Protein backbone atom coordinates (compact mmCIF):
# COMPACT_ATOMS: atom_id res chain seq x y z
CA MET A 1 2.66 38.58 -109.42
CA PRO A 2 4.62 35.26 -107.81
CA ASN A 3 6.36 33.10 -109.26
CA ILE A 4 5.61 30.15 -106.59
CA LYS A 5 3.19 28.35 -107.12
CA SER A 6 1.62 28.04 -103.65
CA ALA A 7 1.78 31.73 -103.82
CA GLU A 8 0.07 32.09 -106.09
CA LYS A 9 -2.81 29.85 -105.56
CA ARG A 10 -2.34 31.99 -101.15
CA MET A 11 -2.83 34.71 -103.76
CA ASN A 12 -6.14 33.43 -104.83
CA VAL A 13 -6.71 32.45 -101.27
CA ALA A 14 -7.42 36.08 -100.39
CA ALA A 15 -8.73 36.92 -103.51
CA LYS A 16 -11.92 34.10 -102.94
CA SER A 17 -12.10 35.44 -98.38
CA ARG A 18 -11.45 39.30 -99.82
CA LEU A 19 -14.56 39.01 -101.83
CA ARG A 20 -16.35 36.70 -98.58
CA ASN A 21 -15.75 39.71 -95.97
CA ARG A 22 -16.64 42.98 -97.69
CA SER A 23 -20.21 41.06 -98.69
CA VAL A 24 -20.27 39.94 -94.63
CA LYS A 25 -18.72 43.56 -93.60
CA SER A 26 -21.51 45.29 -96.25
CA LYS A 27 -24.65 42.61 -95.38
CA ILE A 28 -23.77 43.01 -91.56
CA SER A 29 -23.16 47.15 -91.80
CA THR A 30 -27.37 47.16 -94.17
CA ASN A 31 -28.68 45.94 -91.29
CA ILE A 32 -27.03 47.56 -88.71
CA LYS A 33 -28.71 50.44 -90.16
CA LYS A 34 -32.06 49.38 -90.79
CA PHE A 35 -31.85 48.58 -86.96
CA LYS A 36 -30.84 51.95 -86.18
CA THR A 37 -33.50 53.74 -87.95
CA ALA A 38 -36.77 51.63 -86.70
CA VAL A 39 -35.00 52.45 -82.75
CA ALA A 40 -34.79 56.16 -84.19
CA ASN A 41 -38.54 56.05 -85.46
CA LYS A 42 -39.34 54.72 -82.37
CA ASP A 43 -41.75 51.08 -84.36
CA VAL A 44 -40.09 48.19 -81.11
CA GLU A 45 -41.49 45.47 -83.46
CA THR A 46 -39.23 46.11 -86.18
CA ALA A 47 -36.03 47.21 -84.14
CA ASP A 48 -37.17 44.00 -82.15
CA ALA A 49 -36.45 41.93 -85.09
CA GLN A 50 -33.41 43.23 -87.02
CA PHE A 51 -31.88 43.38 -83.87
CA LYS A 52 -33.03 39.76 -83.67
CA GLU A 53 -31.02 39.49 -87.69
CA VAL A 54 -27.19 41.91 -86.40
CA VAL A 55 -26.85 39.91 -83.38
CA SER A 56 -27.18 36.40 -85.20
CA LEU A 57 -24.96 38.15 -88.24
CA LEU A 58 -23.08 39.53 -86.07
CA ASP A 59 -22.36 36.09 -83.86
CA SER A 60 -21.42 34.24 -87.39
CA ALA A 61 -19.29 36.93 -88.82
CA SER A 62 -17.17 36.57 -85.48
CA GLN A 63 -17.31 32.47 -85.38
CA GLU A 64 -16.04 32.91 -89.28
CA ASN A 65 -13.07 35.54 -88.12
CA VAL A 66 -14.70 37.80 -90.74
CA ILE A 67 -14.22 40.33 -87.54
CA HIS A 68 -12.40 39.74 -83.77
CA LYS A 69 -15.46 38.37 -81.69
CA ASN A 70 -14.96 41.03 -78.66
CA ASN A 71 -16.30 43.57 -82.25
CA ALA A 72 -19.12 41.51 -82.04
CA SER A 73 -19.88 41.23 -78.69
CA LYS A 74 -18.76 45.41 -77.98
CA LYS A 75 -21.58 45.74 -81.04
CA GLN A 76 -24.06 43.43 -79.82
CA ALA A 77 -24.26 45.22 -76.31
CA HIS A 78 -24.39 48.76 -77.59
CA PHE A 79 -27.23 47.09 -80.32
CA ALA A 80 -28.89 46.18 -76.48
CA LYS A 81 -28.92 49.03 -75.16
CA MET A 82 -30.17 50.60 -77.50
CA LEU A 83 -33.08 48.54 -77.54
CA GLN A 84 -34.14 48.41 -74.06
CA SER A 85 -34.30 51.71 -74.12
CA VAL A 86 -36.80 52.49 -76.99
CA LYS A 87 -39.41 49.52 -75.03
CA GLU A 88 -39.04 51.98 -71.76
């Protein structure tokens, strides 16, 4: 337990950030699973909609520093390639 007031505040801020980050990562993970399921079933319309949702979530997470921007970019490129393979 911190003895200094500023350390207590930082602990509270870190706890809030941890909860927010966990929530965002969970939402991303869930939508990625839905996208991969749609790709596996070769459902182009659902996959396209899920792709847009996943890209949006990854962009916002990288802007909020929940994940690194290069990580988000790499995942987006990978999912775009998956989507393109289904469309062909």
